[in-house]
């Protein structure tokens, strides 16, 4: 990145899924794949299944609502102002019953490119378990 980039409120690559609505505020394409930054509005009954990353570190800063982060040995209730850093190889899941909002930083991960890829997939492709495993592994997301 050689020039400042300004992305205003409500701007950025926009991905609106059934469970959440994401705006990419910094693409990993601008940082040689080292970093991306996402504003994520979690819809009521959001659930992200248990998974881990072999390379990527995730940092979550909670802005609104209550989000449960579920680890193997404990569940942590996160509220506005809390920050949680999840290093590689830590199994985790997330649940947000009432809806919420958070900022996410992905270090050494191209999560924004994953969002872009899955935004173009059909329902049949989502239903293909082996295809989903392959795509997830491409972006350092492992559920097994």
C-alpha atoms as a PDB file:
ATOM      1  CA  UNK A   1       0.000   0.000   0.000  1.00  0.00           C
ATOM      2  CA  UNK A   2       1.495   3.290  -1.066  1.00  0.00           C
ATOM      3  CA  UNK A   3      -1.438   5.682  -0.745  1.00  0.00           C
ATOM      4  CA  UNK A   4      -3.880   6.270   2.101  1.00  0.00           C
ATOM      5  CA  UNK A   5      -7.202   4.536   1.638  1.00  0.00           C
ATOM      6  CA  UNK A   6     -10.360   6.007   3.135  1.00  0.00           C
ATOM      7  CA  UNK A   7     -13.458   3.837   3.405  1.00  0.00           C
ATOM      8  CA  UNK A   8     -16.427   5.637   4.874  1.00  0.00           C
ATOM      9  CA  UNK A   9     -19.293   4.355   7.001  1.00  0.00           C
ATOM     10  CA  UNK A  10     -21.456   1.987   4.954  1.00  0.00           C
ATOM     11  CA  UNK A  11     -18.698   1.513   2.378  1.00  0.00           C
ATOM     12  CA  UNK A  12     -16.327  -1.311   1.532  1.00  0.00           C
ATOM     13  CA  UNK A  13     -16.880  -4.613  -0.224  1.00  0.00           C
ATOM     14  CA  UNK A  14     -20.376  -5.493   0.948  1.00  0.00           C
ATOM     15  CA  UNK A  15     -21.366  -9.102   1.719  1.00  0.00           C
ATOM     16  CA  UNK A  16     -24.844  -9.636   3.145  1.00  0.00           C
ATOM     17  CA  UNK A  17     -25.434 -13.264   4.120  1.00  0.00           C
ATOM     18  CA  UNK A  18     -28.249 -14.984   5.979  1.00  0.00           C
ATOM     19  CA  UNK A  19     -26.396 -14.767   9.318  1.00  0.00           C
ATOM     20  CA  UNK A  20     -24.277 -11.637   9.016  1.00  0.00           C
ATOM     21  CA  UNK A  21     -23.551  -8.526   6.986  1.00  0.00           C
ATOM     22  CA  UNK A  22     -19.897  -7.673   6.390  1.00  0.00           C
ATOM     23  CA  UNK A  23     -18.137  -4.628   5.021  1.00  0.00           C
ATOM     24  CA  UNK A  24     -14.477  -5.185   4.164  1.00  0.00           C
ATOM     25  CA  UNK A  25     -12.678  -2.091   5.388  1.00  0.00           C
ATOM     26  CA  UNK A  26      -9.170  -3.241   4.415  1.00  0.00           C
ATOM     27  CA  UNK A  27      -8.643  -5.913   1.792  1.00  0.00           C
ATOM     28  CA  UNK A  28      -5.800  -8.398   2.126  1.00  0.00           C
ATOM     29  CA  UNK A  29      -5.001  -7.503  -1.488  1.00  0.00           C
ATOM     30  CA  UNK A  30      -3.764  -4.127  -0.188  1.00  0.00           C
ATOM     31  CA  UNK A  31      -1.422  -5.726   2.386  1.00  0.00           C
ATOM     32  CA  UNK A  32       0.188  -8.592   0.439  1.00  0.00           C
ATOM     33  CA  UNK A  33      -2.156 -11.047   2.165  1.00  0.00           C
ATOM     34  CA  UNK A  34      -0.906 -10.113   5.625  1.00  0.00           C
ATOM     35  CA  UNK A  35      -3.933  -8.327   7.035  1.00  0.00           C
ATOM     36  CA  UNK A  36      -7.603  -7.669   6.445  1.00  0.00           C
ATOM     37  CA  UNK A  37     -10.134  -5.706   8.484  1.00  0.00           C
ATOM     38  CA  UNK A  38     -13.889  -6.376   8.487  1.00  0.00           C
ATOM     39  CA  UNK A  39     -16.899  -4.659  10.057  1.00  0.00           C
ATOM     40  CA  UNK A  40     -19.357  -7.463  10.820  1.00  0.00           C
ATOM     41  CA  UNK A  41     -22.995  -7.038  11.822  1.00  0.00           C
ATOM     42  CA  UNK A  42     -24.196 -10.325  13.289  1.00  0.00           C
ATOM     43  CA  UNK A  43     -27.865 -11.040  12.698  1.00  0.00           C
ATOM     44  CA  UNK A  44     -30.049 -12.576  15.453  1.00  0.00           C
ATOM     45  CA  UNK A  45     -29.339 -16.288  15.964  1.00  0.00           C
ATOM     46  CA  UNK A  46     -25.901 -16.032  14.329  1.00  0.00           C
ATOM     47  CA  UNK A  47     -23.896 -19.235  14.794  1.00  0.00           C
ATOM     48  CA  UNK A  48     -20.430 -20.029  13.497  1.00  0.00           C
ATOM     49  CA  UNK A  49     -19.498 -23.702  13.809  1.00  0.00           C
ATOM     50  CA  UNK A  50     -16.416 -24.933  15.663  1.00  0.00           C
ATOM     51  CA  UNK A  51     -13.259 -24.473  13.584  1.00  0.00           C
ATOM     52  CA  UNK A  52      -9.613 -23.433  13.764  1.00  0.00           C
ATOM     53  CA  UNK A  53      -6.927 -21.853  11.602  1.00  0.00           C
ATOM     54  CA  UNK A  54      -3.402 -23.168  11.106  1.00  0.00           C
ATOM     55  CA  UNK A  55      -1.867 -19.801  10.172  1.00  0.00           C
ATOM     56  CA  UNK A  56      -4.379 -17.019  10.747  1.00  0.00           C
ATOM     57  CA  UNK A  57      -4.724 -14.970  13.940  1.00  0.00           C
ATOM     58  CA  UNK A  58      -8.119 -13.352  14.550  1.00  0.00           C
ATOM     59  CA  UNK A  59      -8.750 -10.258  16.653  1.00  0.00           C
ATOM     60  CA  UNK A  60     -12.348  -9.323  17.512  1.00  0.00           C
ATOM     61  CA  UNK A  61     -13.414  -5.998  19.003  1.00  0.00           C
ATOM     62  CA  UNK A  62     -17.064  -5.997  20.077  1.00  0.00           C
ATOM     63  CA  UNK A  63     -19.170  -2.895  19.418  1.00  0.00           C
ATOM     64  CA  UNK A  64     -22.778  -3.965  20.067  1.00  0.00           C
ATOM     65  CA  UNK A  65     -24.677  -6.876  21.590  1.00  0.00           C
ATOM     66  CA  UNK A  66     -23.442  -9.979  23.358  1.00  0.00           C
ATOM     67  CA  UNK A  67     -21.429 -12.662  21.581  1.00  0.00           C
ATOM     68  CA  UNK A  68     -20.489 -16.016  23.070  1.00  0.00           C
ATOM     69  CA  UNK A  69     -17.093 -17.350  22.012  1.00  0.00           C
ATOM     70  CA  UNK A  70     -16.984 -21.061  22.677  1.00  0.00           C
ATOM     71  CA  UNK A  71     -13.628 -22.717  23.229  1.00  0.00           C
ATOM     72  CA  UNK A  72     -12.961 -26.354  24.134  1.00  0.00           C
ATOM     73  CA  UNK A  73     -12.654 -25.645  27.855  1.00  0.00           C
ATOM     74  CA  UNK A  74     -14.773 -22.516  28.337  1.00  0.00           C
ATOM     75  CA  UNK A  75     -17.338 -20.117  26.933  1.00  0.00           C
ATOM     76  CA  UNK A  76     -16.660 -16.385  27.114  1.00  0.00           C
ATOM     77  CA  UNK A  77     -19.460 -13.802  26.930  1.00  0.00           C
ATOM     78  CA  UNK A  78     -18.172 -10.757  25.033  1.00  0.00           C
ATOM     79  CA  UNK A  79     -19.821  -7.346  25.323  1.00  0.00           C
ATOM     80  CA  UNK A  80     -19.114  -3.904  23.829  1.00  0.00           C
ATOM     81  CA  UNK A  81     -15.552  -2.778  24.455  1.00  0.00           C
ATOM     82  CA  UNK A  82     -14.157  -6.326  24.820  1.00  0.00           C
ATOM     83  CA  UNK A  83     -11.313  -7.521  22.607  1.00  0.00           C
ATOM     84  CA  UNK A  84     -10.474 -11.187  22.030  1.00  0.00           C
ATOM     85  CA  UNK A  85      -7.415 -12.443  20.154  1.00  0.00           C
ATOM     86  CA  UNK A  86      -7.496 -16.027  18.894  1.00  0.00           C
ATOM     87  CA  UNK A  87      -4.108 -17.380  17.820  1.00  0.00           C
ATOM     88  CA  UNK A  88      -3.643 -20.167  15.265  1.00  0.00           C
ATOM     89  CA  UNK A  89      -4.607 -23.728  16.244  1.00  0.00           C
ATOM     90  CA  UNK A  90      -7.224 -22.731  18.831  1.00  0.00           C
ATOM     91  CA  UNK A  91     -10.604 -24.362  18.242  1.00  0.00           C
ATOM     92  CA  UNK A  92     -13.505 -21.926  18.573  1.00  0.00           C
ATOM     93  CA  UNK A  93     -17.141 -21.293  17.691  1.00  0.00           C
ATOM     94  CA  UNK A  94     -19.355 -18.224  18.085  1.00  0.00           C
ATOM     95  CA  UNK A  95     -22.995 -17.536  18.885  1.00  0.00           C
ATOM     96  CA  UNK A  96     -24.955 -14.285  18.979  1.00  0.00           C
ATOM     97  CA  UNK A  97     -28.591 -14.748  19.960  1.00  0.00           C
ATOM     98  CA  UNK A  98     -29.887 -11.159  19.744  1.00  0.00           C
ATOM     99  CA  UNK A  99     -27.585  -9.716  17.069  1.00  0.00           C
ATOM    100  CA  UNK A 100     -24.479  -7.597  17.458  1.00  0.00           C
ATOM    101  CA  UNK A 101     -21.632  -5.843  15.766  1.00  0.00           C
ATOM    102  CA  UNK A 102     -17.878  -6.292  15.841  1.00  0.00           C
ATOM    103  CA  UNK A 103     -14.694  -5.321  14.087  1.00  0.00           C
ATOM    104  CA  UNK A 104     -12.447  -8.200  13.024  1.00  0.00           C
ATOM    105  CA  UNK A 105      -8.791  -8.181  12.088  1.00  0.00           C
ATOM    106  CA  UNK A 106      -7.405 -11.219  10.300  1.00  0.00           C
ATOM    107  CA  UNK A 107      -3.602 -11.498  10.417  1.00  0.00           C
ATOM    108  CA  UNK A 108      -2.014 -13.766   7.812  1.00  0.00           C
ATOM    109  CA  UNK A 109      -5.424 -14.653   6.480  1.00  0.00           C
ATOM    110  CA  UNK A 110      -7.374 -13.638   3.451  1.00  0.00           C
ATOM    111  CA  UNK A 111     -10.801 -13.824   5.022  1.00  0.00           C
ATOM    112  CA  UNK A 112     -12.054 -11.039   2.748  1.00  0.00           C
ATOM    113  CA  UNK A 113     -11.245 -13.191  -0.292  1.00  0.00           C
ATOM    114  CA  UNK A 114     -13.134 -16.070   1.323  1.00  0.00           C
ATOM    115  CA  UNK A 115     -16.180 -13.787   1.723  1.00  0.00           C
ATOM    116  CA  UNK A 116     -15.879 -12.780  -1.922  1.00  0.00           C
ATOM    117  CA  UNK A 117     -15.614 -16.397  -3.075  1.00  0.00           C
ATOM    118  CA  UNK A 118     -18.607 -17.684  -1.124  1.00  0.00           C
ATOM    119  CA  UNK A 119     -20.712 -14.658  -2.163  1.00  0.00           C
ATOM    120  CA  UNK A 120     -20.625 -16.010  -5.734  1.00  0.00           C
ATOM    121  CA  UNK A 121     -21.608 -19.579  -4.872  1.00  0.00           C
ATOM    122  CA  UNK A 122     -24.957 -21.210  -5.571  1.00  0.00           C
ATOM    123  CA  UNK A 123     -27.057 -23.059  -2.986  1.00  0.00           C
ATOM    124  CA  UNK A 124     -26.050 -26.342  -4.653  1.00  0.00           C
ATOM    125  CA  UNK A 125     -22.376 -25.466  -4.252  1.00  0.00           C
ATOM    126  CA  UNK A 126     -22.938 -24.642  -0.561  1.00  0.00           C
ATOM    127  CA  UNK A 127     -24.582 -28.051  -0.148  1.00  0.00           C
ATOM    128  CA  UNK A 128     -21.512 -29.827  -1.597  1.00  0.00           C
ATOM    129  CA  UNK A 129     -19.617 -30.769   1.572  1.00  0.00           C
ATOM    130  CA  UNK A 130     -16.368 -31.686  -0.193  1.00  0.00           C
ATOM    131  CA  UNK A 131     -16.369 -28.455  -2.195  1.00  0.00           C
ATOM    132  CA  UNK A 132     -16.943 -26.425   0.970  1.00  0.00           C
ATOM    133  CA  UNK A 133     -14.092 -28.240   2.757  1.00  0.00           C
ATOM    134  CA  UNK A 134     -11.791 -27.501  -0.166  1.00  0.00           C
ATOM    135  CA  UNK A 135     -12.706 -23.818  -0.305  1.00  0.00           C
ATOM    136  CA  UNK A 136     -12.421 -23.458   3.456  1.00  0.00           C
ATOM    137  CA  UNK A 137      -8.962 -25.071   3.446  1.00  0.00           C
ATOM    138  CA  UNK A 138      -7.890 -22.638   0.698  1.00  0.00           C
ATOM    139  CA  UNK A 139      -8.555 -19.864   3.203  1.00  0.00           C
ATOM    140  CA  UNK A 140      -7.136 -21.572   6.324  1.00  0.00           C
ATOM    141  CA  UNK A 141     -10.488 -22.596   7.834  1.00  0.00           C
ATOM    142  CA  UNK A 142     -10.693 -26.147   9.180  1.00  0.00           C
ATOM    143  CA  UNK A 143     -13.665 -27.815  10.850  1.00  0.00           C
ATOM    144  CA  UNK A 144     -11.984 -31.208  11.351  1.00  0.00           C
END
